[in-house]
Amino acid sequence: MRKYRQNVSSTVRFEYGVELAAGLSQFPETTAAANDIRAVNDALGAQQDKRRALRIPVVEARAALRFAELGAERVIRSSLRAAEIEDGGRRGRICACLFPKGLRPVVIPMGKRQVRPLKELVERLQNAKLAGIDVYRAAWLPKLLCALGSLEAAVDAHLAALAAHDEAFQVELALRDAHHDAVDKVIGVVRAAFPRDRELQDVIFPVVEASRKAGDAEADEPEAEPTSVAPAES
């Protein structure tokens, strides 16, 4: 009797289950087993559909995060240019206070990693005691706070979408295991119903094509996310 490998995708398991249920339904001795397989198969298929639907918010949130990153970077760069103008040249007192290590440490980090340096820039501006900085602070603190808020919101939204998708996938993995166990049980049922009839036993169980197993097992898995969307540091 043929059975799929332990590591195959939900798609392979689902199609296998549909075909196995059809084979089991051919005989009254295995009709109940066919119903059992259909039940776990339908549950797996429904969960796979749910997980796939939850992938869409992940991708949409990832796009929104890119735009939030761009917006934050542009505000940071503009704030530096404004500080240079206020200082009357590069590396003046305001620039040195707000960008002690230059621009790169603030704009090079991506995604969640940009939250912390931007937050630290905002805090430096909030706490600066330089003479004459009040006009600059009044102009640029609201803009930097807005950029920080947008970036944090985009990171949080992406993480929430990822968490929902991952939770759905964990349920799907559990249903994969249940599907595998159900097939094991059916093997025993078929063996008991048709002892010593190996030809009939084999024809009930679907052929699992090697190419389909290899291809779908990877195509069906959730994509890895960039490391830039790990939880934001506070």
Protein backbone atom coordinates (compact mmCIF):
# COMPACT_ATOMS: atom_id res chain seq x y z
CA MET A 1 0.00 0.00 0.00
CA ARG A 2 1.37 3.37 -1.07
CA LYS A 3 1.74 6.30 1.29
CA TYR A 4 3.20 9.79 0.99
CA ARG A 5 6.37 10.81 2.79
CA GLN A 6 6.18 12.52 6.18
CA ASN A 7 7.48 15.86 4.86
CA VAL A 8 5.15 16.43 1.88
CA SER A 9 3.02 19.54 1.55
CA SER A 10 -0.62 20.06 2.42
CA THR A 11 -1.47 20.07 -1.29
CA VAL A 12 -0.02 16.60 -1.80
CA ARG A 13 -1.80 15.29 1.30
CA PHE A 14 -5.11 16.83 0.30
CA GLU A 15 -5.08 15.42 -3.23
CA TYR A 16 -3.96 12.06 -1.86
CA GLY A 17 -6.86 12.16 0.61
CA VAL A 18 -9.43 12.95 -2.07
CA GLU A 19 -8.22 10.03 -4.18
CA LEU A 20 -7.95 7.67 -1.22
CA ALA A 21 -11.50 8.48 -0.09
CA ALA A 22 -12.73 7.78 -3.61
CA GLY A 23 -11.01 4.38 -3.55
CA LEU A 24 -12.31 3.47 -0.11
CA SER A 25 -15.86 4.40 -1.16
CA GLN A 26 -15.84 1.58 -3.71
CA PHE A 27 -16.41 -1.04 -0.99
CA PRO A 28 -18.94 -1.24 1.85
CA GLU A 29 -16.21 -2.64 4.12
CA THR A 30 -14.28 0.62 3.90
CA THR A 31 -17.07 3.22 3.54
CA ALA A 32 -16.66 4.37 7.14
CA ALA A 33 -12.91 4.76 6.61
CA ALA A 34 -13.65 6.87 3.51
CA ASN A 35 -15.79 9.20 5.62
CA ASP A 36 -13.03 9.50 8.22
CA ILE A 37 -10.48 10.42 5.58
CA ARG A 38 -12.83 12.98 4.03
CA ALA A 39 -13.34 14.64 7.40
CA VAL A 40 -9.65 15.15 8.16
CA ASN A 41 -8.96 15.95 4.51
CA ASP A 42 -11.60 18.68 4.42
CA ALA A 43 -10.26 20.15 7.64
CA LEU A 44 -6.74 20.24 6.23
CA GLY A 45 -7.89 21.81 2.97
CA ALA A 46 -9.91 24.48 4.77
CA GLN A 47 -6.99 25.36 7.03
CA GLN A 48 -4.63 25.56 4.07
CA ASP A 49 -7.04 27.97 2.36
CA LYS A 50 -7.20 30.06 5.54
CA ARG A 51 -3.42 30.18 5.82
CA ARG A 52 -3.05 31.15 2.16
CA ALA A 53 -5.60 33.96 2.60
CA LEU A 54 -3.63 35.25 5.58
CA ARG A 55 -0.55 35.52 3.36
CA ILE A 56 -2.12 38.47 1.55
CA PRO A 57 -2.07 40.79 4.60
CA VAL A 58 1.56 39.79 5.19
CA VAL A 59 2.56 40.89 1.71
CA GLU A 60 0.47 44.07 1.88
CA ALA A 61 1.96 44.99 5.27
CA ARG A 62 5.45 44.29 3.92
CA ALA A 63 4.83 46.79 1.11
CA ALA A 64 3.52 49.38 3.57
CA LEU A 65 6.64 48.89 5.69
CA ARG A 66 8.88 49.67 2.72
CA PHE A 67 7.08 52.98 2.17
CA ALA A 68 7.26 53.80 5.88
CA GLU A 69 11.01 53.13 5.76
CA LEU A 70 11.40 55.43 2.76
CA GLY A 71 9.35 58.16 4.39
CA ALA A 72 11.35 57.96 7.61
CA GLU A 73 14.66 58.05 5.75
CA ARG A 74 13.63 61.11 3.78
CA VAL A 75 12.56 62.98 6.90
CA ILE A 76 15.84 62.08 8.64
CA ARG A 77 17.92 63.28 5.70
CA SER A 78 15.92 66.48 5.46
CA SER A 79 16.33 67.09 9.17
CA LEU A 80 20.10 66.79 8.78
CA ARG A 81 20.15 69.29 5.91
CA ALA A 82 18.04 71.68 7.96
CA ALA A 83 20.44 71.29 10.88
CA GLU A 84 23.38 72.11 8.59
CA ILE A 85 21.58 75.22 7.39
CA GLU A 86 20.86 76.22 10.97
CA ASP A 87 24.51 75.62 11.88
CA GLY A 88 25.74 77.57 8.88
CA GLY A 89 27.76 74.60 7.62
CA ARG A 90 28.40 70.89 8.02
CA ARG A 91 29.20 69.36 11.42
CA GLY A 92 28.08 72.36 13.41
CA ARG A 93 26.79 72.26 16.97
CA ILE A 94 23.26 71.04 16.15
CA CYS A 95 24.50 68.40 13.71
CA ALA A 96 27.04 67.14 16.21
CA CYS A 97 24.37 66.96 18.90
CA LEU A 98 21.74 65.17 16.83
CA PHE A 99 23.97 63.08 14.57
CA PRO A 100 27.07 62.39 16.73
CA LYS A 101 28.17 59.52 14.48
CA GLY A 102 26.90 60.99 11.23
CA LEU A 103 23.89 60.10 9.12
CA ARG A 104 24.62 56.47 8.22
CA PRO A 105 23.88 54.86 11.61
CA VAL A 106 20.39 56.37 11.48
CA VAL A 107 19.38 55.69 7.88
CA ILE A 108 21.21 52.46 6.99
CA PRO A 109 19.23 50.10 9.30
CA MET A 110 16.10 48.66 7.70
CA GLY A 111 12.67 47.76 8.99
CA LYS A 112 12.47 47.24 12.75
CA ARG A 113 16.18 47.99 13.08
CA GLN A 114 15.56 51.59 12.02
CA VAL A 115 13.09 52.18 14.85
CA ARG A 116 15.69 52.38 17.59
CA PRO A 117 18.12 54.85 15.93
CA LEU A 118 15.22 57.05 14.85
CA LYS A 119 13.81 56.98 18.38
CA GLU A 120 17.23 57.89 19.76
CA LEU A 121 17.44 60.80 17.29
CA VAL A 122 14.06 62.05 18.49
CA GLU A 123 15.17 61.78 22.12
CA ARG A 124 18.37 63.71 21.42
CA LEU A 125 16.34 66.48 19.83
CA GLN A 126 13.83 66.50 22.69
CA ASN A 127 16.57 66.72 25.32
CA ALA A 128 18.97 69.09 23.52
CA LYS A 129 19.91 72.17 25.55
CA LEU A 130 21.87 74.01 22.87
CA ALA A 131 21.35 77.72 22.62
CA GLY A 132 19.20 78.61 19.62
CA ILE A 133 17.91 75.08 18.99
CA ASP A 134 14.30 75.87 19.93
CA VAL A 135 13.33 77.12 16.48
CA TYR A 136 14.83 74.05 14.83
CA ARG A 137 13.18 71.76 17.39
CA ALA A 138 9.77 73.34 16.87
CA ALA A 139 10.06 72.73 13.12
CA TRP A 140 11.52 69.24 13.07
CA LEU A 141 10.45 67.41 16.21
CA PRO A 142 6.83 67.00 14.97
CA LYS A 143 8.06 65.69 11.61
CA LEU A 144 10.45 63.20 13.18
CA LEU A 145 7.82 62.05 15.68
CA CYS A 146 5.36 61.53 12.81
CA ALA A 147 7.94 59.51 10.86
CA LEU A 148 8.71 57.42 13.95
CA GLY A 149 5.04 56.77 14.60
CA SER A 150 4.43 55.71 11.02
CA LEU A 151 7.43 53.39 11.05
CA GLU A 152 6.46 51.80 14.35
CA ALA A 153 2.89 51.31 13.16
CA ALA A 154 4.08 49.70 9.92
CA VAL A 155 6.42 47.35 11.78
CA ASP A 156 3.67 46.41 14.25
CA ALA A 157 1.17 45.76 11.44
CA HIS A 158 3.64 43.55 9.60
CA LEU A 159 4.47 41.60 12.73
CA ALA A 160 0.77 41.13 13.53
CA ALA A 161 0.12 39.82 10.02
CA LEU A 162 3.07 37.46 10.30
CA ALA A 163 1.88 36.22 13.69
CA ALA A 164 -1.62 35.48 12.37
CA HIS A 165 -0.16 33.66 9.38
CA ASP A 166 2.22 31.66 11.55
CA GLU A 167 -0.57 30.69 13.96
CA ALA A 168 -2.66 29.42 11.05
CA PHE A 169 0.30 27.48 9.71
CA GLN A 170 0.89 25.82 13.08
CA VAL A 171 -2.72 24.59 13.04
CA GLU A 172 -2.17 23.39 9.47
CA LEU A 173 0.91 21.44 10.54
CA ALA A 174 -1.09 19.77 13.29
CA LEU A 175 -3.72 18.79 10.74
CA ARG A 176 -0.98 17.40 8.50
CA ASP A 177 0.01 15.11 11.35
CA ALA A 178 -3.62 14.13 11.92
CA HIS A 179 -3.93 13.38 8.20
CA HIS A 180 -0.84 11.18 8.33
CA ASP A 181 -2.20 9.30 11.34
CA ALA A 182 -5.57 8.84 9.63
CA VAL A 183 -3.86 7.27 6.62
CA ASP A 184 -1.99 4.90 8.93
CA LYS A 185 -5.30 3.87 10.46
CA VAL A 186 -6.85 3.31 7.04
CA ILE A 187 -3.98 1.04 6.06
CA GLY A 188 -4.92 -1.23 8.96
CA VAL A 189 -8.60 -1.11 8.00
CA VAL A 190 -7.87 -2.06 4.38
CA ARG A 191 -5.49 -4.80 5.41
CA ALA A 192 -8.15 -6.29 7.72
CA ALA A 193 -10.93 -5.91 5.16
CA PHE A 194 -9.01 -7.52 2.29
CA PRO A 195 -6.41 -9.86 3.79
CA ARG A 196 -3.87 -11.34 1.41
CA ASP A 197 -5.33 -9.38 -1.55
CA ARG A 198 -2.30 -7.21 -2.15
CA GLU A 199 -3.40 -6.20 -5.63
CA LEU A 200 -6.69 -4.75 -4.35
CA GLN A 201 -4.97 -3.14 -1.37
CA ASP A 202 -2.56 -1.34 -3.65
CA VAL A 203 -5.18 -0.08 -6.09
CA ILE A 204 -7.14 1.61 -3.28
CA PHE A 205 -4.17 3.79 -2.35
CA PRO A 206 -3.13 6.61 -4.72
CA VAL A 207 0.18 6.76 -6.57
CA VAL A 208 2.29 9.60 -5.17
CA GLU A 209 4.41 10.95 -8.02
CA ALA A 210 8.00 11.68 -7.06
CA SER A 211 8.08 14.93 -9.04
CA ARG A 212 4.90 16.17 -7.40
CA LYS A 213 6.19 15.36 -3.93
CA ALA A 214 9.45 17.19 -4.52
CA GLY A 215 7.90 20.23 -6.18
CA ASP A 216 4.84 20.87 -4.03
CA ALA A 217 6.59 20.23 -0.75
CA GLU A 218 8.57 23.42 -1.18
CA ALA A 219 6.11 25.51 -3.18
CA ASP A 220 3.42 25.10 -0.53
CA GLU A 221 5.48 26.30 2.44
CA PRO A 222 5.28 29.89 3.74
CA GLU A 223 8.06 32.13 2.48
CA ALA A 224 10.76 33.26 4.87
CA GLU A 225 10.49 36.91 5.84
CA PRO A 226 13.38 39.38 5.73
CA THR A 227 15.19 39.73 9.03
CA SER A 228 14.30 43.43 9.03
CA VAL A 229 10.81 42.64 10.29
CA ALA A 230 11.77 40.96 13.55
CA PRO A 231 10.16 42.47 16.69
CA ALA A 232 11.08 46.10 17.19
CA GLU A 233 13.50 46.97 19.93
CA SER A 234 12.38 49.54 22.47
